[in-house]
């Protein structure tokens, strides 16, 4: 996992050989690292609920050519807004990150980017996200504006609650409703239930991720579900996996047509969560990181079958 053997300025937990370290212009690397562009899994986890929302909308209505643009716009938006969110997170957490072994190599605590530079980069990414959002219709625009409060609060959640993963889930899965609204110009109960299912999924995968930092978090006094659940995490996360699947099944059932195709995708998604639970050991950091990243594949399976159900 460690990347410093390849480049001394690389972030500790970025995958070796990532495109930022190998191909990005030297002057852009600190900013791209600040946006976590060297670790694309966060973009995927923000994007996938958006694609679920498009699939659910097509199932409830019918596929349109505009859906292709919604999918592309969500991909661009997920990249820049995940980058903006990470930039904001690192601005607020720069002192905490300097005390944690896994995060002290990030651009702000390591001095690769100044605080002023980080704020300017945050504004630039937000502007690109706004331009994309303005193409998606009035209801989607308002959904995007409402999401900003969740994004702003999340970095502070670990200071006042043992459940910061809930706040991450609220923000990271908002796109399922935004993308649905871009197609339907409204938000229906089915997609609200899908959003709740996504929140349960986020608690599942981000608790696995947070186990990497459990010892450091305990020492510096920040909270997480990994610390709250402790050795009971496998059993508790089994419950959240079940809750995720049940809520998504309800959302699919309310979406109207081609349910068997969508349920096939949900079955594949559920099988992936079961596989993760079988391998999950709270104190094995490398395994936790590998399982966390594997949620991209779980989400893609469901997204693909929702799209097929919407197109059929």
C-alpha atoms as a PDB file:
ATOM      1  CA  UNK A   1       0.000   0.000   0.000  1.00  0.00           C
ATOM      2  CA  UNK A   2       2.725   2.485   0.924  1.00  0.00           C
ATOM      3  CA  UNK A   3       3.600   4.762  -1.932  1.00  0.00           C
ATOM      4  CA  UNK A   4       6.713   6.505  -0.618  1.00  0.00           C
ATOM      5  CA  UNK A   5       9.000   3.857  -2.061  1.00  0.00           C
ATOM      6  CA  UNK A   6       7.877   5.050  -5.471  1.00  0.00           C
ATOM      7  CA  UNK A   7       7.669   8.826  -4.904  1.00  0.00           C
ATOM      8  CA  UNK A   8       8.762  10.532  -1.669  1.00  0.00           C
ATOM      9  CA  UNK A   9       6.024  13.185  -2.041  1.00  0.00           C
ATOM     10  CA  UNK A  10       3.187  10.686  -2.578  1.00  0.00           C
ATOM     11  CA  UNK A  11       0.375  10.237  -0.085  1.00  0.00           C
ATOM     12  CA  UNK A  12       0.925   7.243   2.171  1.00  0.00           C
ATOM     13  CA  UNK A  13      -2.250   5.281   1.425  1.00  0.00           C
ATOM     14  CA  UNK A  14      -2.594   6.114  -2.267  1.00  0.00           C
ATOM     15  CA  UNK A  15      -2.338   3.064  -4.545  1.00  0.00           C
ATOM     16  CA  UNK A  16       1.102   2.553  -6.018  1.00  0.00           C
ATOM     17  CA  UNK A  17       1.349   3.546  -9.664  1.00  0.00           C
ATOM     18  CA  UNK A  18      -1.744   5.769  -9.583  1.00  0.00           C
ATOM     19  CA  UNK A  19      -2.132   8.188 -12.486  1.00  0.00           C
ATOM     20  CA  UNK A  20      -1.473  11.316 -10.425  1.00  0.00           C
ATOM     21  CA  UNK A  21       1.962  10.126  -9.317  1.00  0.00           C
ATOM     22  CA  UNK A  22       2.871   8.778 -12.750  1.00  0.00           C
ATOM     23  CA  UNK A  23       1.273  11.050 -15.338  1.00  0.00           C
ATOM     24  CA  UNK A  24      -0.087  14.294 -13.895  1.00  0.00           C
ATOM     25  CA  UNK A  25       2.008  17.452 -14.412  1.00  0.00           C
ATOM     26  CA  UNK A  26       4.317  18.007 -11.436  1.00  0.00           C
ATOM     27  CA  UNK A  27       2.774  21.363 -10.524  1.00  0.00           C
ATOM     28  CA  UNK A  28      -0.760  19.883 -10.422  1.00  0.00           C
ATOM     29  CA  UNK A  29       0.023  16.855  -8.276  1.00  0.00           C
ATOM     30  CA  UNK A  30      -0.405  18.485  -4.838  1.00  0.00           C
ATOM     31  CA  UNK A  31      -3.839  19.873  -5.792  1.00  0.00           C
ATOM     32  CA  UNK A  32      -4.967  16.597  -7.337  1.00  0.00           C
ATOM     33  CA  UNK A  33      -3.828  14.761  -4.218  1.00  0.00           C
ATOM     34  CA  UNK A  34      -5.795  17.243  -2.129  1.00  0.00           C
ATOM     35  CA  UNK A  35      -8.848  16.218  -4.184  1.00  0.00           C
ATOM     36  CA  UNK A  36      -8.003  12.517  -3.660  1.00  0.00           C
ATOM     37  CA  UNK A  37      -7.671  12.081  -7.431  1.00  0.00           C
ATOM     38  CA  UNK A  38      -4.926   9.582  -6.641  1.00  0.00           C
ATOM     39  CA  UNK A  39      -7.569   7.495  -4.824  1.00  0.00           C
ATOM     40  CA  UNK A  40     -10.582   7.272  -7.156  1.00  0.00           C
ATOM     41  CA  UNK A  41     -12.696   4.989  -4.962  1.00  0.00           C
ATOM     42  CA  UNK A  42     -14.369   7.984  -3.296  1.00  0.00           C
ATOM     43  CA  UNK A  43     -15.484   9.328  -6.664  1.00  0.00           C
ATOM     44  CA  UNK A  44     -16.955   5.949  -7.504  1.00  0.00           C
ATOM     45  CA  UNK A  45     -18.830   5.745  -4.191  1.00  0.00           C
ATOM     46  CA  UNK A  46     -20.285   9.216  -4.800  1.00  0.00           C
ATOM     47  CA  UNK A  47     -21.137   8.477  -8.433  1.00  0.00           C
ATOM     48  CA  UNK A  48     -22.737   5.050  -8.102  1.00  0.00           C
ATOM     49  CA  UNK A  49     -25.854   6.180  -6.190  1.00  0.00           C
ATOM     50  CA  UNK A  50     -26.343   8.798  -8.940  1.00  0.00           C
ATOM     51  CA  UNK A  51     -26.374   6.048 -11.537  1.00  0.00           C
ATOM     52  CA  UNK A  52     -28.751   4.027  -9.356  1.00  0.00           C
ATOM     53  CA  UNK A  53     -31.075   7.047  -9.386  1.00  0.00           C
ATOM     54  CA  UNK A  54     -31.044   7.202 -13.192  1.00  0.00           C
ATOM     55  CA  UNK A  55     -31.849   3.486 -13.384  1.00  0.00           C
ATOM     56  CA  UNK A  56     -34.721   3.795 -10.911  1.00  0.00           C
ATOM     57  CA  UNK A  57     -36.103   6.781 -12.843  1.00  0.00           C
ATOM     58  CA  UNK A  58     -35.984   4.866 -16.145  1.00  0.00           C
ATOM     59  CA  UNK A  59     -37.762   1.941 -14.482  1.00  0.00           C
ATOM     60  CA  UNK A  60     -40.483   4.261 -13.175  1.00  0.00           C
ATOM     61  CA  UNK A  61     -40.835   6.176 -16.432  1.00  0.00           C
ATOM     62  CA  UNK A  62     -38.938   5.407 -19.646  1.00  0.00           C
ATOM     63  CA  UNK A  63     -35.413   5.855 -20.933  1.00  0.00           C
ATOM     64  CA  UNK A  64     -34.598   9.144 -22.663  1.00  0.00           C
ATOM     65  CA  UNK A  65     -31.582  10.415 -24.554  1.00  0.00           C
ATOM     66  CA  UNK A  66     -31.146  13.055 -21.836  1.00  0.00           C
ATOM     67  CA  UNK A  67     -30.384  10.234 -19.400  1.00  0.00           C
ATOM     68  CA  UNK A  68     -27.044   9.785 -21.148  1.00  0.00           C
ATOM     69  CA  UNK A  69     -26.148  13.382 -20.352  1.00  0.00           C
ATOM     70  CA  UNK A  70     -27.340  12.928 -16.754  1.00  0.00           C
ATOM     71  CA  UNK A  71     -24.971   9.952 -16.424  1.00  0.00           C
ATOM     72  CA  UNK A  72     -22.053  11.929 -17.891  1.00  0.00           C
ATOM     73  CA  UNK A  73     -22.864  15.038 -15.861  1.00  0.00           C
ATOM     74  CA  UNK A  74     -22.999  12.954 -12.695  1.00  0.00           C
ATOM     75  CA  UNK A  75     -19.597  11.455 -13.489  1.00  0.00           C
ATOM     76  CA  UNK A  76     -18.012  14.885 -13.982  1.00  0.00           C
ATOM     77  CA  UNK A  77     -19.873  16.279 -10.996  1.00  0.00           C
ATOM     78  CA  UNK A  78     -18.881  13.374  -8.760  1.00  0.00           C
ATOM     79  CA  UNK A  79     -15.223  13.893  -9.631  1.00  0.00           C
ATOM     80  CA  UNK A  80     -15.156  17.630  -8.935  1.00  0.00           C
ATOM     81  CA  UNK A  81     -17.530  17.639  -5.961  1.00  0.00           C
ATOM     82  CA  UNK A  82     -15.822  14.703  -4.320  1.00  0.00           C
ATOM     83  CA  UNK A  83     -12.623  16.675  -4.835  1.00  0.00           C
ATOM     84  CA  UNK A  84     -14.221  19.769  -3.318  1.00  0.00           C
ATOM     85  CA  UNK A  85     -15.529  17.741  -0.384  1.00  0.00           C
ATOM     86  CA  UNK A  86     -12.107  16.205   0.243  1.00  0.00           C
ATOM     87  CA  UNK A  87     -10.492  19.631   0.018  1.00  0.00           C
ATOM     88  CA  UNK A  88     -12.938  20.995   2.593  1.00  0.00           C
ATOM     89  CA  UNK A  89     -12.423  17.930   4.770  1.00  0.00           C
ATOM     90  CA  UNK A  90      -8.644  18.379   4.693  1.00  0.00           C
ATOM     91  CA  UNK A  91      -8.921  22.092   5.454  1.00  0.00           C
ATOM     92  CA  UNK A  92     -10.953  21.371   8.581  1.00  0.00           C
ATOM     93  CA  UNK A  93      -8.901  18.306   9.559  1.00  0.00           C
ATOM     94  CA  UNK A  94      -5.393  19.571   8.806  1.00  0.00           C
ATOM     95  CA  UNK A  95      -4.321  19.566  12.467  1.00  0.00           C
ATOM     96  CA  UNK A  96      -5.843  16.150  13.141  1.00  0.00           C
ATOM     97  CA  UNK A  97      -4.312  14.711   9.951  1.00  0.00           C
ATOM     98  CA  UNK A  98      -0.873  15.835  11.106  1.00  0.00           C
ATOM     99  CA  UNK A  99      -1.234  13.540  14.147  1.00  0.00           C
ATOM    100  CA  UNK A 100      -2.312  10.388  12.273  1.00  0.00           C
ATOM    101  CA  UNK A 101       0.289   8.182  10.585  1.00  0.00           C
ATOM    102  CA  UNK A 102      -1.900   7.383   7.574  1.00  0.00           C
ATOM    103  CA  UNK A 103      -2.857  11.018   6.870  1.00  0.00           C
ATOM    104  CA  UNK A 104       0.138  13.179   7.820  1.00  0.00           C
ATOM    105  CA  UNK A 105       1.499  12.864   4.257  1.00  0.00           C
ATOM    106  CA  UNK A 106      -1.582  14.589   2.792  1.00  0.00           C
ATOM    107  CA  UNK A 107      -0.898  17.871   0.975  1.00  0.00           C
ATOM    108  CA  UNK A 108      -1.940  20.293   3.752  1.00  0.00           C
ATOM    109  CA  UNK A 109      -0.227  18.743   6.805  1.00  0.00           C
ATOM    110  CA  UNK A 110       2.848  17.919   4.704  1.00  0.00           C
ATOM    111  CA  UNK A 111       3.081  21.491   3.387  1.00  0.00           C
ATOM    112  CA  UNK A 112       2.630  20.649  -0.311  1.00  0.00           C
ATOM    113  CA  UNK A 113      -0.369  23.041  -0.477  1.00  0.00           C
ATOM    114  CA  UNK A 114      -0.921  26.235   1.519  1.00  0.00           C
ATOM    115  CA  UNK A 115      -4.185  26.928   3.324  1.00  0.00           C
ATOM    116  CA  UNK A 116      -4.925  29.825   0.952  1.00  0.00           C
ATOM    117  CA  UNK A 117      -4.205  27.593  -2.038  1.00  0.00           C
ATOM    118  CA  UNK A 118      -6.597  24.973  -0.662  1.00  0.00           C
ATOM    119  CA  UNK A 119      -9.423  27.516  -0.340  1.00  0.00           C
ATOM    120  CA  UNK A 120      -8.866  28.728  -3.907  1.00  0.00           C
ATOM    121  CA  UNK A 121      -8.857  25.138  -5.176  1.00  0.00           C
ATOM    122  CA  UNK A 122     -12.075  24.489  -3.245  1.00  0.00           C
ATOM    123  CA  UNK A 123     -13.741  27.457  -4.941  1.00  0.00           C
ATOM    124  CA  UNK A 124     -12.564  26.405  -8.404  1.00  0.00           C
ATOM    125  CA  UNK A 125     -13.958  22.897  -8.009  1.00  0.00           C
ATOM    126  CA  UNK A 126     -17.224  24.237  -6.644  1.00  0.00           C
ATOM    127  CA  UNK A 127     -17.610  26.500  -9.674  1.00  0.00           C
ATOM    128  CA  UNK A 128     -17.205  23.579 -12.086  1.00  0.00           C
ATOM    129  CA  UNK A 129     -19.742  21.592 -10.088  1.00  0.00           C
ATOM    130  CA  UNK A 130     -22.212  24.485 -10.240  1.00  0.00           C
ATOM    131  CA  UNK A 131     -21.894  24.758 -14.023  1.00  0.00           C
ATOM    132  CA  UNK A 132     -22.663  21.045 -14.374  1.00  0.00           C
ATOM    133  CA  UNK A 133     -25.571  21.246 -11.937  1.00  0.00           C
ATOM    134  CA  UNK A 134     -27.222  24.085 -13.880  1.00  0.00           C
ATOM    135  CA  UNK A 135     -27.751  21.737 -16.845  1.00  0.00           C
ATOM    136  CA  UNK A 136     -29.925  19.278 -14.903  1.00  0.00           C
ATOM    137  CA  UNK A 137     -33.198  21.121 -14.340  1.00  0.00           C
ATOM    138  CA  UNK A 138     -34.807  23.125 -11.557  1.00  0.00           C
ATOM    139  CA  UNK A 139     -35.573  20.320  -9.095  1.00  0.00           C
ATOM    140  CA  UNK A 140     -32.101  18.811  -9.444  1.00  0.00           C
ATOM    141  CA  UNK A 141     -30.544  22.244  -8.961  1.00  0.00           C
ATOM    142  CA  UNK A 142     -32.378  22.710  -5.681  1.00  0.00           C
ATOM    143  CA  UNK A 143     -31.365  19.211  -4.607  1.00  0.00           C
ATOM    144  CA  UNK A 144     -27.760  20.122  -5.306  1.00  0.00           C
ATOM    145  CA  UNK A 145     -28.005  23.338  -3.289  1.00  0.00           C
ATOM    146  CA  UNK A 146     -29.539  21.484  -0.334  1.00  0.00           C
ATOM    147  CA  UNK A 147     -26.683  18.969  -0.339  1.00  0.00           C
ATOM    148  CA  UNK A 148     -24.121  21.675   0.470  1.00  0.00           C
ATOM    149  CA  UNK A 149     -25.184  21.787   4.109  1.00  0.00           C
ATOM    150  CA  UNK A 150     -24.489  18.086   4.517  1.00  0.00           C
ATOM    151  CA  UNK A 151     -21.097  18.440   2.865  1.00  0.00           C
ATOM    152  CA  UNK A 152     -20.192  21.342   5.138  1.00  0.00           C
ATOM    153  CA  UNK A 153     -21.177  19.524   8.337  1.00  0.00           C
ATOM    154  CA  UNK A 154     -19.595  16.133   7.685  1.00  0.00           C
ATOM    155  CA  UNK A 155     -15.939  16.935   8.572  1.00  0.00           C
ATOM    156  CA  UNK A 156     -17.036  18.103  12.033  1.00  0.00           C
ATOM    157  CA  UNK A 157     -19.257  15.089  12.769  1.00  0.00           C
ATOM    158  CA  UNK A 158     -16.486  12.942  14.236  1.00  0.00           C
ATOM    159  CA  UNK A 159     -15.945  15.619  16.857  1.00  0.00           C
ATOM    160  CA  UNK A 160     -19.467  15.389  18.331  1.00  0.00           C
ATOM    161  CA  UNK A 161     -20.917  11.947  17.453  1.00  0.00           C
ATOM    162  CA  UNK A 162     -19.879   8.307  17.340  1.00  0.00           C
ATOM    163  CA  UNK A 163     -21.834   8.099  14.065  1.00  0.00           C
ATOM    164  CA  UNK A 164     -19.991  10.351  11.572  1.00  0.00           C
ATOM    165  CA  UNK A 165     -20.619   7.649   8.967  1.00  0.00           C
ATOM    166  CA  UNK A 166     -24.301   8.609   9.011  1.00  0.00           C
ATOM    167  CA  UNK A 167     -23.403  12.151   7.977  1.00  0.00           C
ATOM    168  CA  UNK A 168     -21.128  10.803   5.255  1.00  0.00           C
ATOM    169  CA  UNK A 169     -23.968   8.582   4.052  1.00  0.00           C
ATOM    170  CA  UNK A 170     -26.442  11.461   3.989  1.00  0.00           C
ATOM    171  CA  UNK A 171     -24.115  13.401   1.693  1.00  0.00           C
ATOM    172  CA  UNK A 172     -22.611  10.606  -0.417  1.00  0.00           C
ATOM    173  CA  UNK A 173     -25.966   9.093  -1.370  1.00  0.00           C
ATOM    174  CA  UNK A 174     -27.797  12.360  -2.036  1.00  0.00           C
ATOM    175  CA  UNK A 175     -26.991  11.876  -5.706  1.00  0.00           C
ATOM    176  CA  UNK A 176     -29.514   9.052  -6.018  1.00  0.00           C
ATOM    177  CA  UNK A 177     -32.273  11.628  -5.450  1.00  0.00           C
ATOM    178  CA  UNK A 178     -30.571  14.358  -7.461  1.00  0.00           C
ATOM    179  CA  UNK A 179     -30.136  12.164 -10.558  1.00  0.00           C
ATOM    180  CA  UNK A 180     -33.675  10.807 -10.206  1.00  0.00           C
ATOM    181  CA  UNK A 181     -34.955  14.393 -10.005  1.00  0.00           C
ATOM    182  CA  UNK A 182     -32.961  15.344 -13.110  1.00  0.00           C
ATOM    183  CA  UNK A 183     -34.982  12.759 -15.057  1.00  0.00           C
ATOM    184  CA  UNK A 184     -38.379  12.972 -13.326  1.00  0.00           C
ATOM    185  CA  UNK A 185     -38.361  16.613 -12.118  1.00  0.00           C
ATOM    186  CA  UNK A 186     -39.541  15.350  -8.748  1.00  0.00           C
ATOM    187  CA  UNK A 187     -38.493  13.107  -5.867  1.00  0.00           C
ATOM    188  CA  UNK A 188     -40.662  10.037  -5.239  1.00  0.00           C
ATOM    189  CA  UNK A 189     -40.865   7.751  -2.167  1.00  0.00           C
ATOM    190  CA  UNK A 190     -39.006   4.972  -3.970  1.00  0.00           C
ATOM    191  CA  UNK A 191     -35.856   7.031  -4.385  1.00  0.00           C
ATOM    192  CA  UNK A 192     -36.016   8.361  -0.822  1.00  0.00           C
ATOM    193  CA  UNK A 193     -36.000   4.732   0.338  1.00  0.00           C
ATOM    194  CA  UNK A 194     -33.066   4.060  -1.989  1.00  0.00           C
ATOM    195  CA  UNK A 195     -31.261   7.003  -0.347  1.00  0.00           C
ATOM    196  CA  UNK A 196     -31.829   5.431   3.075  1.00  0.00           C
ATOM    197  CA  UNK A 197     -30.498   2.132   1.734  1.00  0.00           C
ATOM    198  CA  UNK A 198     -27.431   3.939   0.456  1.00  0.00           C
ATOM    199  CA  UNK A 199     -26.862   5.470   3.886  1.00  0.00           C
ATOM    200  CA  UNK A 200     -26.888   1.990   5.445  1.00  0.00           C
ATOM    201  CA  UNK A 201     -24.407   0.864   2.771  1.00  0.00           C
ATOM    202  CA  UNK A 202     -22.124   3.805   3.578  1.00  0.00           C
ATOM    203  CA  UNK A 203     -22.154   2.922   7.271  1.00  0.00           C
ATOM    204  CA  UNK A 204     -21.188  -0.609   6.215  1.00  0.00           C
ATOM    205  CA  UNK A 205     -18.232   0.256   3.993  1.00  0.00           C
ATOM    206  CA  UNK A 206     -16.966   3.310   5.853  1.00  0.00           C
ATOM    207  CA  UNK A 207     -16.879   1.476   9.174  1.00  0.00           C
ATOM    208  CA  UNK A 208     -14.637  -1.088   7.496  1.00  0.00           C
ATOM    209  CA  UNK A 209     -12.475   1.788   6.250  1.00  0.00           C
ATOM    210  CA  UNK A 210     -12.420   3.524   9.646  1.00  0.00           C
ATOM    211  CA  UNK A 211     -10.948   0.448  11.338  1.00  0.00           C
ATOM    212  CA  UNK A 212      -7.611   1.421   9.765  1.00  0.00           C
ATOM    213  CA  UNK A 213      -7.518   4.555  11.941  1.00  0.00           C
ATOM    214  CA  UNK A 214      -9.158   3.191  15.089  1.00  0.00           C
ATOM    215  CA  UNK A 215      -6.063   3.325  17.296  1.00  0.00           C
ATOM    216  CA  UNK A 216      -5.026   6.811  16.171  1.00  0.00           C
ATOM    217  CA  UNK A 217      -8.604   8.107  16.430  1.00  0.00           C
ATOM    218  CA  UNK A 218      -8.837   6.841  20.011  1.00  0.00           C
ATOM    219  CA  UNK A 219      -5.564   8.562  20.933  1.00  0.00           C
ATOM    220  CA  UNK A 220      -6.497  11.963  19.494  1.00  0.00           C
ATOM    221  CA  UNK A 221     -10.112  11.836  20.677  1.00  0.00           C
ATOM    222  CA  UNK A 222     -12.187  11.692  17.487  1.00  0.00           C
ATOM    223  CA  UNK A 223     -15.125   9.341  17.105  1.00  0.00           C
ATOM    224  CA  UNK A 224     -16.236   6.729  14.573  1.00  0.00           C
ATOM    225  CA  UNK A 225     -18.484   3.702  14.288  1.00  0.00           C
ATOM    226  CA  UNK A 226     -15.320   1.583  14.136  1.00  0.00           C
ATOM    227  CA  UNK A 227     -14.494   2.654  17.687  1.00  0.00           C
ATOM    228  CA  UNK A 228     -18.124   2.405  18.782  1.00  0.00           C
ATOM    229  CA  UNK A 229     -18.621  -1.127  17.424  1.00  0.00           C
ATOM    230  CA  UNK A 230     -15.122  -2.411  18.233  1.00  0.00           C
ATOM    231  CA  UNK A 231     -14.814  -6.180  18.048  1.00  0.00           C
ATOM    232  CA  UNK A 232     -18.568  -6.415  17.453  1.00  0.00           C
ATOM    233  CA  UNK A 233     -18.200  -4.750  14.049  1.00  0.00           C
ATOM    234  CA  UNK A 234     -18.643  -7.947  11.961  1.00  0.00           C
ATOM    235  CA  UNK A 235     -21.938  -8.774  13.687  1.00  0.00           C
ATOM    236  CA  UNK A 236     -23.271  -5.205  13.600  1.00  0.00           C
ATOM    237  CA  UNK A 237     -22.209  -4.663   9.994  1.00  0.00           C
ATOM    238  CA  UNK A 238     -24.089  -7.809   9.050  1.00  0.00           C
ATOM    239  CA  UNK A 239     -27.196  -6.013  10.263  1.00  0.00           C
ATOM    240  CA  UNK A 240     -26.405  -2.943   8.183  1.00  0.00           C
ATOM    241  CA  UNK A 241     -25.800  -5.120   5.117  1.00  0.00           C
ATOM    242  CA  UNK A 242     -29.215  -6.712   5.573  1.00  0.00           C
ATOM    243  CA  UNK A 243     -30.820  -3.295   6.081  1.00  0.00           C
ATOM    244  CA  UNK A 244     -29.165  -2.005   2.907  1.00  0.00           C
ATOM    245  CA  UNK A 245     -30.489  -4.853   0.795  1.00  0.00           C
ATOM    246  CA  UNK A 246     -33.989  -4.707   2.279  1.00  0.00           C
ATOM    247  CA  UNK A 247     -34.339  -0.970   1.690  1.00  0.00           C
ATOM    248  CA  UNK A 248     -33.017  -1.211  -1.865  1.00  0.00           C
ATOM    249  CA  UNK A 249     -35.401  -4.111  -2.531  1.00  0.00           C
ATOM    250  CA  UNK A 250     -38.329  -1.943  -1.389  1.00  0.00           C
ATOM    251  CA  UNK A 251     -37.128   0.936  -3.562  1.00  0.00           C
ATOM    252  CA  UNK A 252     -36.924  -1.355  -6.584  1.00  0.00           C
ATOM    253  CA  UNK A 253     -40.368  -2.833  -5.910  1.00  0.00           C
ATOM    254  CA  UNK A 254     -41.869   0.677  -5.965  1.00  0.00           C
ATOM    255  CA  UNK A 255     -40.201   1.576  -9.248  1.00  0.00           C
ATOM    256  CA  UNK A 256     -42.650  -0.183 -11.500  1.00  0.00           C
ATOM    257  CA  UNK A 257     -41.307  -2.486 -14.218  1.00  0.00           C
ATOM    258  CA  UNK A 258     -38.703  -5.117 -15.118  1.00  0.00           C
ATOM    259  CA  UNK A 259     -38.303  -5.973 -11.450  1.00  0.00           C
ATOM    260  CA  UNK A 260     -36.678  -9.375 -12.040  1.00  0.00           C
ATOM    261  CA  UNK A 261     -33.760  -7.771 -13.880  1.00  0.00           C
ATOM    262  CA  UNK A 262     -33.271  -5.248 -11.080  1.00  0.00           C
ATOM    263  CA  UNK A 263     -33.557  -7.930  -8.398  1.00  0.00           C
ATOM    264  CA  UNK A 264     -30.862  -9.952 -10.156  1.00  0.00           C
ATOM    265  CA  UNK A 265     -28.537  -6.989  -9.781  1.00  0.00           C
ATOM    266  CA  UNK A 266     -29.509  -6.607  -6.140  1.00  0.00           C
ATOM    267  CA  UNK A 267     -28.742 -10.299  -5.578  1.00  0.00           C
ATOM    268  CA  UNK A 268     -25.250  -9.758  -6.994  1.00  0.00           C
ATOM    269  CA  UNK A 269     -24.826  -6.695  -4.774  1.00  0.00           C
ATOM    270  CA  UNK A 270     -25.928  -8.693  -1.722  1.00  0.00           C
ATOM    271  CA  UNK A 271     -23.547 -11.541  -2.578  1.00  0.00           C
ATOM    272  CA  UNK A 272     -20.682  -9.059  -2.689  1.00  0.00           C
ATOM    273  CA  UNK A 273     -21.532  -7.741   0.788  1.00  0.00           C
ATOM    274  CA  UNK A 274     -21.603 -11.312   2.108  1.00  0.00           C
ATOM    275  CA  UNK A 275     -18.159 -11.929   0.594  1.00  0.00           C
ATOM    276  CA  UNK A 276     -16.846  -8.804   2.315  1.00  0.00           C
ATOM    277  CA  UNK A 277     -18.223  -9.907   5.667  1.00  0.00           C
ATOM    278  CA  UNK A 278     -16.544 -13.301   5.349  1.00  0.00           C
ATOM    279  CA  UNK A 279     -13.141 -11.658   4.831  1.00  0.00           C
ATOM    280  CA  UNK A 280     -13.522  -8.735   7.226  1.00  0.00           C
ATOM    281  CA  UNK A 281     -11.246  -8.749  10.275  1.00  0.00           C
ATOM    282  CA  UNK A 282     -11.273  -5.421  12.157  1.00  0.00           C
ATOM    283  CA  UNK A 283      -7.541  -5.287  12.968  1.00  0.00           C
ATOM    284  CA  UNK A 284      -6.236  -6.227   9.504  1.00  0.00           C
ATOM    285  CA  UNK A 285      -5.671  -2.832   7.894  1.00  0.00           C
ATOM    286  CA  UNK A 286      -4.672  -4.036   4.431  1.00  0.00           C
ATOM    287  CA  UNK A 287      -7.747  -6.249   4.226  1.00  0.00           C
ATOM    288  CA  UNK A 288      -9.992  -3.411   5.433  1.00  0.00           C
ATOM    289  CA  UNK A 289      -8.682  -1.127   2.711  1.00  0.00           C
ATOM    290  CA  UNK A 290      -9.077  -3.801   0.030  1.00  0.00           C
ATOM    291  CA  UNK A 291     -12.656  -4.547   1.092  1.00  0.00           C
ATOM    292  CA  UNK A 292     -13.540  -0.858   1.254  1.00  0.00           C
ATOM    293  CA  UNK A 293     -12.297  -0.316  -2.295  1.00  0.00           C
ATOM    294  CA  UNK A 294     -14.175  -3.387  -3.523  1.00  0.00           C
ATOM    295  CA  UNK A 295     -17.497  -1.631  -2.912  1.00  0.00           C
ATOM    296  CA  UNK A 296     -17.047   0.002  -6.289  1.00  0.00           C
ATOM    297  CA  UNK A 297     -17.684  -3.407  -7.853  1.00  0.00           C
ATOM    298  CA  UNK A 298     -20.699  -4.073  -5.638  1.00  0.00           C
ATOM    299  CA  UNK A 299     -22.268  -0.759  -6.608  1.00  0.00           C
ATOM    300  CA  UNK A 300     -21.477  -1.209 -10.293  1.00  0.00           C
ATOM    301  CA  UNK A 301     -23.256  -4.572 -10.379  1.00  0.00           C
ATOM    302  CA  UNK A 302     -26.436  -3.020  -9.017  1.00  0.00           C
ATOM    303  CA  UNK A 303     -26.135   0.048 -11.247  1.00  0.00           C
ATOM    304  CA  UNK A 304     -25.689  -2.052 -14.377  1.00  0.00           C
ATOM    305  CA  UNK A 305     -28.780  -4.149 -13.735  1.00  0.00           C
ATOM    306  CA  UNK A 306     -30.899  -1.108 -12.817  1.00  0.00           C
ATOM    307  CA  UNK A 307     -29.865   0.434 -16.143  1.00  0.00           C
ATOM    308  CA  UNK A 308     -30.755  -2.769 -17.985  1.00  0.00           C
ATOM    309  CA  UNK A 309     -34.129  -2.840 -16.250  1.00  0.00           C
ATOM    310  CA  UNK A 310     -34.738   0.770 -17.250  1.00  0.00           C
ATOM    311  CA  UNK A 311     -33.758   0.133 -20.894  1.00  0.00           C
ATOM    312  CA  UNK A 312     -35.604  -3.172 -21.316  1.00  0.00           C
END
